[in-house]
Amino acid sequence: MNDKNQRPDDLEDGVPGGKIDFDEVRKVIALLEEKNLSALELEVEGFKIKVSRSATAPAPAPLSVREAGAPGPSAAGEASLPAPAPAPELDKTLQLITSPMVGTFYRAPDPTASPFVDIGDVVKKGQTLCIVEAMKLMNEIESDVDGTVVEIFVENAKPVEFGQKLFAVKPLS
């Protein structure tokens, strides 16, 4: 290798210009960590890179980092946070609406507008429930079923991941 930012010659095939700038790859990885994303895919001039990481506990991890210097009682409080398990409470008849992409969850079309739906609202198949913003594109997420919204799993303006639960809808019988 001639330069620390270039790959060896045998690994350069298929890349425009034949070289990968590893500093740019490091910037992509830093962006992934900075935005707390689990995956990031980027395509430039026919070169595609996908970077992902596994998160063992997405919610508690940031808390433990911030509270690392805190005295012992906060650690005890942190240990009590995971105790309530919402999964057993979910009814098997509920239809879960999940995020089709990584992005930012918005309950309303703009900050001053009222939410698309609230808990208890009756929704029709195809009705907009929320928006997931991904790469400056606003993607409307629609209901898969006619029913009643019984739970909203994500807070407004919070990041969501692919497959993350957004809503639970009880189908109309």
C-alpha atoms as a PDB file:
ATOM      1  CA  MET A   1       0.000   0.000   0.000  1.00  0.00           C
ATOM      2  CA  ASN A   2       1.347   3.387  -0.965  1.00  0.00           C
ATOM      3  CA  ASP A   3      -1.017   5.487   1.108  1.00  0.00           C
ATOM      4  CA  LYS A   4      -2.868   4.698   4.332  1.00  0.00           C
ATOM      5  CA  ASN A   5      -6.113   5.922   2.706  1.00  0.00           C
ATOM      6  CA  GLN A   6      -5.997   3.458  -0.191  1.00  0.00           C
ATOM      7  CA  ARG A   7      -6.698  -0.250  -0.410  1.00  0.00           C
ATOM      8  CA  PRO A   8      -4.191  -2.753  -1.756  1.00  0.00           C
ATOM      9  CA  ASP A   9      -4.250  -3.185  -5.553  1.00  0.00           C
ATOM     10  CA  ASP A  10      -5.900  -6.609  -5.373  1.00  0.00           C
ATOM     11  CA  LEU A  11      -8.977  -5.119  -3.619  1.00  0.00           C
ATOM     12  CA  GLU A  12      -9.572  -2.135  -5.892  1.00  0.00           C
ATOM     13  CA  ASP A  13     -11.602  -3.752  -8.697  1.00  0.00           C
ATOM     14  CA  GLY A  14     -15.100  -2.404  -9.307  1.00  0.00           C
ATOM     15  CA  VAL A  15     -14.524   0.921  -7.567  1.00  0.00           C
ATOM     16  CA  PRO A  16     -14.711   4.081  -9.707  1.00  0.00           C
ATOM     17  CA  GLY A  17     -11.200   5.429  -9.990  1.00  0.00           C
ATOM     18  CA  GLY A  18      -9.946   2.163  -8.517  1.00  0.00           C
ATOM     19  CA  LYS A  19      -9.331   3.568  -5.006  1.00  0.00           C
ATOM     20  CA  ILE A  20     -11.307   3.803  -1.775  1.00  0.00           C
ATOM     21  CA  ASP A  21     -10.636   6.735   0.505  1.00  0.00           C
ATOM     22  CA  PHE A  22     -10.688   5.129   3.941  1.00  0.00           C
ATOM     23  CA  ASP A  23     -10.979   8.534   5.606  1.00  0.00           C
ATOM     24  CA  GLU A  24     -14.361   8.865   3.874  1.00  0.00           C
ATOM     25  CA  VAL A  25     -15.340   5.402   5.144  1.00  0.00           C
ATOM     26  CA  ARG A  26     -14.347   6.484   8.644  1.00  0.00           C
ATOM     27  CA  LYS A  27     -16.593   9.557   8.256  1.00  0.00           C
ATOM     28  CA  VAL A  28     -19.518   7.312   7.268  1.00  0.00           C
ATOM     29  CA  ILE A  29     -18.897   5.159  10.351  1.00  0.00           C
ATOM     30  CA  ALA A  30     -18.697   8.276  12.539  1.00  0.00           C
ATOM     31  CA  LEU A  31     -22.029   9.470  11.108  1.00  0.00           C
ATOM     32  CA  LEU A  32     -23.559   6.071  11.924  1.00  0.00           C
ATOM     33  CA  GLU A  33     -22.407   6.378  15.533  1.00  0.00           C
ATOM     34  CA  GLU A  34     -23.238  10.084  15.860  1.00  0.00           C
ATOM     35  CA  LYS A  35     -26.843   9.593  14.692  1.00  0.00           C
ATOM     36  CA  ASN A  36     -27.156   6.334  16.669  1.00  0.00           C
ATOM     37  CA  LEU A  37     -28.171   4.383  13.557  1.00  0.00           C
ATOM     38  CA  SER A  38     -27.937   0.619  13.252  1.00  0.00           C
ATOM     39  CA  ALA A  39     -27.272   0.695   9.504  1.00  0.00           C
ATOM     40  CA  LEU A  40     -26.378   3.177   6.794  1.00  0.00           C
ATOM     41  CA  GLU A  41     -26.257   2.549   3.049  1.00  0.00           C
ATOM     42  CA  LEU A  42     -24.650   4.986   0.631  1.00  0.00           C
ATOM     43  CA  GLU A  43     -24.235   4.853  -3.149  1.00  0.00           C
ATOM     44  CA  VAL A  44     -22.043   7.306  -5.074  1.00  0.00           C
ATOM     45  CA  GLU A  45     -21.194   6.992  -8.766  1.00  0.00           C
ATOM     46  CA  GLY A  46     -21.966   3.281  -8.836  1.00  0.00           C
ATOM     47  CA  PHE A  47     -19.981   2.531  -5.658  1.00  0.00           C
ATOM     48  CA  LYS A  48     -22.194   1.232  -2.880  1.00  0.00           C
ATOM     49  CA  ILE A  49     -21.246   0.875   0.779  1.00  0.00           C
ATOM     50  CA  LYS A  50     -23.396  -0.500   3.558  1.00  0.00           C
ATOM     51  CA  VAL A  51     -22.256  -0.108   7.150  1.00  0.00           C
ATOM     52  CA  SER A  52     -24.139  -1.647  10.051  1.00  0.00           C
ATOM     53  CA  ARG A  53     -23.643  -2.393  13.681  1.00  0.00           C
ATOM     54  CA  SER A  54     -25.512  -4.463  16.203  1.00  0.00           C
ATOM     55  CA  ALA A  55     -26.938  -2.783  19.245  1.00  0.00           C
ATOM     56  CA  THR A  56     -27.380  -5.007  22.273  1.00  0.00           C
ATOM     57  CA  ALA A  57     -29.627  -2.592  24.174  1.00  0.00           C
ATOM     58  CA  PRO A  58     -30.477   0.591  22.219  1.00  0.00           C
ATOM     59  CA  ALA A  59     -32.333   2.477  24.957  1.00  0.00           C
ATOM     60  CA  PRO A  60     -30.305   1.646  28.087  1.00  0.00           C
ATOM     61  CA  ALA A  61     -26.881   2.066  26.428  1.00  0.00           C
ATOM     62  CA  PRO A  62     -27.064   5.884  26.146  1.00  0.00           C
ATOM     63  CA  LEU A  63     -28.325   6.111  29.729  1.00  0.00           C
ATOM     64  CA  SER A  64     -25.439   4.082  31.122  1.00  0.00           C
ATOM     65  CA  VAL A  65     -22.930   6.223  29.220  1.00  0.00           C
ATOM     66  CA  ARG A  66     -24.408   9.449  30.577  1.00  0.00           C
ATOM     67  CA  GLU A  67     -24.730   8.049  34.089  1.00  0.00           C
ATOM     68  CA  ALA A  68     -21.315   6.416  34.189  1.00  0.00           C
ATOM     69  CA  GLY A  69     -19.989   9.043  36.609  1.00  0.00           C
ATOM     70  CA  ALA A  70     -23.141   9.085  38.736  1.00  0.00           C
ATOM     71  CA  PRO A  71     -23.191   7.559  42.217  1.00  0.00           C
ATOM     72  CA  GLY A  72     -24.480   4.010  42.899  1.00  0.00           C
ATOM     73  CA  PRO A  73     -28.231   4.779  43.370  1.00  0.00           C
ATOM     74  CA  SER A  74     -28.638   5.758  39.697  1.00  0.00           C
ATOM     75  CA  ALA A  75     -27.295   2.357  38.693  1.00  0.00           C
ATOM     76  CA  ALA A  76     -29.964   0.728  40.850  1.00  0.00           C
ATOM     77  CA  GLY A  77     -32.624   2.914  39.220  1.00  0.00           C
ATOM     78  CA  GLU A  78     -31.266   1.973  35.821  1.00  0.00           C
ATOM     79  CA  ALA A  79     -31.526  -1.705  36.678  1.00  0.00           C
ATOM     80  CA  SER A  80     -35.216  -1.255  37.503  1.00  0.00           C
ATOM     81  CA  LEU A  81     -36.013   0.333  34.103  1.00  0.00           C
ATOM     82  CA  PRO A  82     -36.008  -2.898  32.027  1.00  0.00           C
ATOM     83  CA  ALA A  83     -38.246  -4.734  34.557  1.00  0.00           C
ATOM     84  CA  PRO A  84     -41.653  -3.865  32.958  1.00  0.00           C
ATOM     85  CA  ALA A  85     -41.909  -5.961  29.803  1.00  0.00           C
ATOM     86  CA  PRO A  86     -44.518  -4.600  27.352  1.00  0.00           C
ATOM     87  CA  ALA A  87     -44.298  -7.644  25.043  1.00  0.00           C
ATOM     88  CA  PRO A  88     -46.525  -9.954  27.141  1.00  0.00           C
ATOM     89  CA  GLU A  89     -49.200  -7.231  27.336  1.00  0.00           C
ATOM     90  CA  LEU A  90     -49.713  -7.224  23.541  1.00  0.00           C
ATOM     91  CA  ASP A  91     -52.829  -9.000  22.336  1.00  0.00           C
ATOM     92  CA  LYS A  92     -52.151 -11.617  19.649  1.00  0.00           C
ATOM     93  CA  THR A  93     -55.028 -10.212  17.548  1.00  0.00           C
ATOM     94  CA  LEU A  94     -53.355  -6.806  17.213  1.00  0.00           C
ATOM     95  CA  GLN A  95     -51.889  -5.760  13.868  1.00  0.00           C
ATOM     96  CA  LEU A  96     -48.436  -4.221  14.356  1.00  0.00           C
ATOM     97  CA  ILE A  97     -47.388  -1.420  12.010  1.00  0.00           C
ATOM     98  CA  THR A  98     -43.590  -1.362  11.755  1.00  0.00           C
ATOM     99  CA  SER A  99     -41.120   1.046  10.233  1.00  0.00           C
ATOM    100  CA  PRO A 100     -40.095   0.085   6.690  1.00  0.00           C
ATOM    101  CA  MET A 101     -36.851   2.071   7.012  1.00  0.00           C
ATOM    102  CA  VAL A 102     -34.393   3.801   9.299  1.00  0.00           C
ATOM    103  CA  GLY A 103     -35.334   7.436   9.890  1.00  0.00           C
ATOM    104  CA  THR A 104     -37.052   9.925  12.187  1.00  0.00           C
ATOM    105  CA  PHE A 105     -40.650   9.310  13.330  1.00  0.00           C
ATOM    106  CA  TYR A 106     -43.126  12.205  13.147  1.00  0.00           C
ATOM    107  CA  ARG A 107     -46.721  11.952  14.358  1.00  0.00           C
ATOM    108  CA  ALA A 108     -47.862  15.079  12.469  1.00  0.00           C
ATOM    109  CA  PRO A 109     -47.203  16.646   9.054  1.00  0.00           C
ATOM    110  CA  ASP A 110     -45.540  19.645  10.714  1.00  0.00           C
ATOM    111  CA  PRO A 111     -44.690  20.754  14.273  1.00  0.00           C
ATOM    112  CA  THR A 112     -47.782  22.960  14.649  1.00  0.00           C
ATOM    113  CA  ALA A 113     -50.295  20.447  13.251  1.00  0.00           C
ATOM    114  CA  SER A 114     -52.226  17.910  15.281  1.00  0.00           C
ATOM    115  CA  PRO A 115     -51.107  14.261  15.039  1.00  0.00           C
ATOM    116  CA  PHE A 116     -52.329  12.058  12.194  1.00  0.00           C
ATOM    117  CA  VAL A 117     -53.781   9.632  14.767  1.00  0.00           C
ATOM    118  CA  ASP A 118     -54.085   9.209  18.523  1.00  0.00           C
ATOM    119  CA  ILE A 119     -54.757   6.180  20.690  1.00  0.00           C
ATOM    120  CA  GLY A 120     -58.423   5.226  20.322  1.00  0.00           C
ATOM    121  CA  ASP A 121     -58.798   6.625  16.789  1.00  0.00           C
ATOM    122  CA  VAL A 122     -60.470   4.418  14.194  1.00  0.00           C
ATOM    123  CA  VAL A 123     -58.353   4.158  11.039  1.00  0.00           C
ATOM    124  CA  LYS A 124     -59.006   2.855   7.541  1.00  0.00           C
ATOM    125  CA  LYS A 125     -56.646   0.738   5.460  1.00  0.00           C
ATOM    126  CA  GLY A 126     -54.349   3.119   3.561  1.00  0.00           C
ATOM    127  CA  GLN A 127     -54.848   6.005   6.017  1.00  0.00           C
ATOM    128  CA  THR A 128     -51.654   7.875   6.948  1.00  0.00           C
ATOM    129  CA  LEU A 129     -50.567   7.147  10.521  1.00  0.00           C
ATOM    130  CA  CYS A 130     -47.244   8.980  10.646  1.00  0.00           C
ATOM    131  CA  ILE A 131     -44.227  10.119   8.644  1.00  0.00           C
ATOM    132  CA  VAL A 132     -40.763   8.588   8.725  1.00  0.00           C
ATOM    133  CA  GLU A 133     -38.160  11.014   7.419  1.00  0.00           C
ATOM    134  CA  ALA A 134     -35.207   9.337   5.762  1.00  0.00           C
ATOM    135  CA  MET A 135     -32.506  11.330   3.955  1.00  0.00           C
ATOM    136  CA  LYS A 136     -34.682  14.458   3.818  1.00  0.00           C
ATOM    137  CA  LEU A 137     -37.572  12.507   2.235  1.00  0.00           C
ATOM    138  CA  MET A 138     -40.892  12.402   4.073  1.00  0.00           C
ATOM    139  CA  ASN A 139     -42.357   8.890   3.798  1.00  0.00           C
ATOM    140  CA  GLU A 140     -45.997   8.501   4.827  1.00  0.00           C
ATOM    141  CA  ILE A 141     -46.636   5.273   6.729  1.00  0.00           C
ATOM    142  CA  GLU A 142     -50.138   3.961   6.160  1.00  0.00           C
ATOM    143  CA  SER A 143     -52.356   1.547   8.051  1.00  0.00           C
ATOM    144  CA  ASP A 144     -52.405  -2.018   6.747  1.00  0.00           C
ATOM    145  CA  VAL A 145     -55.856  -2.680   8.178  1.00  0.00           C
ATOM    146  CA  ASP A 146     -59.155  -1.088   9.217  1.00  0.00           C
ATOM    147  CA  GLY A 147     -59.177  -0.865  12.999  1.00  0.00           C
ATOM    148  CA  THR A 148     -58.590   1.089  16.190  1.00  0.00           C
ATOM    149  CA  VAL A 149     -55.195   2.430  17.259  1.00  0.00           C
ATOM    150  CA  VAL A 150     -54.496   0.895  20.675  1.00  0.00           C
ATOM    151  CA  GLU A 151     -50.837   1.785  21.152  1.00  0.00           C
ATOM    152  CA  ILE A 152     -48.197   4.158  19.796  1.00  0.00           C
ATOM    153  CA  PHE A 153     -44.724   2.811  20.546  1.00  0.00           C
ATOM    154  CA  VAL A 154     -42.512   5.756  19.488  1.00  0.00           C
ATOM    155  CA  GLU A 155     -42.306   9.334  20.714  1.00  0.00           C
ATOM    156  CA  ASN A 156     -42.559  12.162  18.191  1.00  0.00           C
ATOM    157  CA  ALA A 157     -39.288  13.210  16.495  1.00  0.00           C
ATOM    158  CA  LYS A 158     -37.393  10.144  17.750  1.00  0.00           C
ATOM    159  CA  PRO A 159     -35.214   7.910  15.556  1.00  0.00           C
ATOM    160  CA  VAL A 160     -36.633   4.582  14.411  1.00  0.00           C
ATOM    161  CA  GLU A 161     -34.997   1.532  12.904  1.00  0.00           C
ATOM    162  CA  PHE A 162     -36.076  -0.851  10.181  1.00  0.00           C
ATOM    163  CA  GLY A 163     -38.750  -3.210  11.539  1.00  0.00           C
ATOM    164  CA  GLN A 164     -39.287  -1.254  14.760  1.00  0.00           C
ATOM    165  CA  LYS A 165     -42.864  -1.287  16.079  1.00  0.00           C
ATOM    166  CA  LEU A 166     -44.645   2.031  15.517  1.00  0.00           C
ATOM    167  CA  PHE A 167     -48.344   1.293  16.147  1.00  0.00           C
ATOM    168  CA  ALA A 168     -50.611  -1.493  17.355  1.00  0.00           C
ATOM    169  CA  VAL A 169     -54.010  -1.550  15.638  1.00  0.00           C
ATOM    170  CA  LYS A 170     -56.919  -3.746  16.738  1.00  0.00           C
ATOM    171  CA  PRO A 171     -58.598  -4.879  13.497  1.00  0.00           C
ATOM    172  CA  LEU A 172     -62.353  -4.335  13.159  1.00  0.00           C
ATOM    173  CA  SER A 173     -64.254  -7.601  13.280  1.00  0.00           C
END
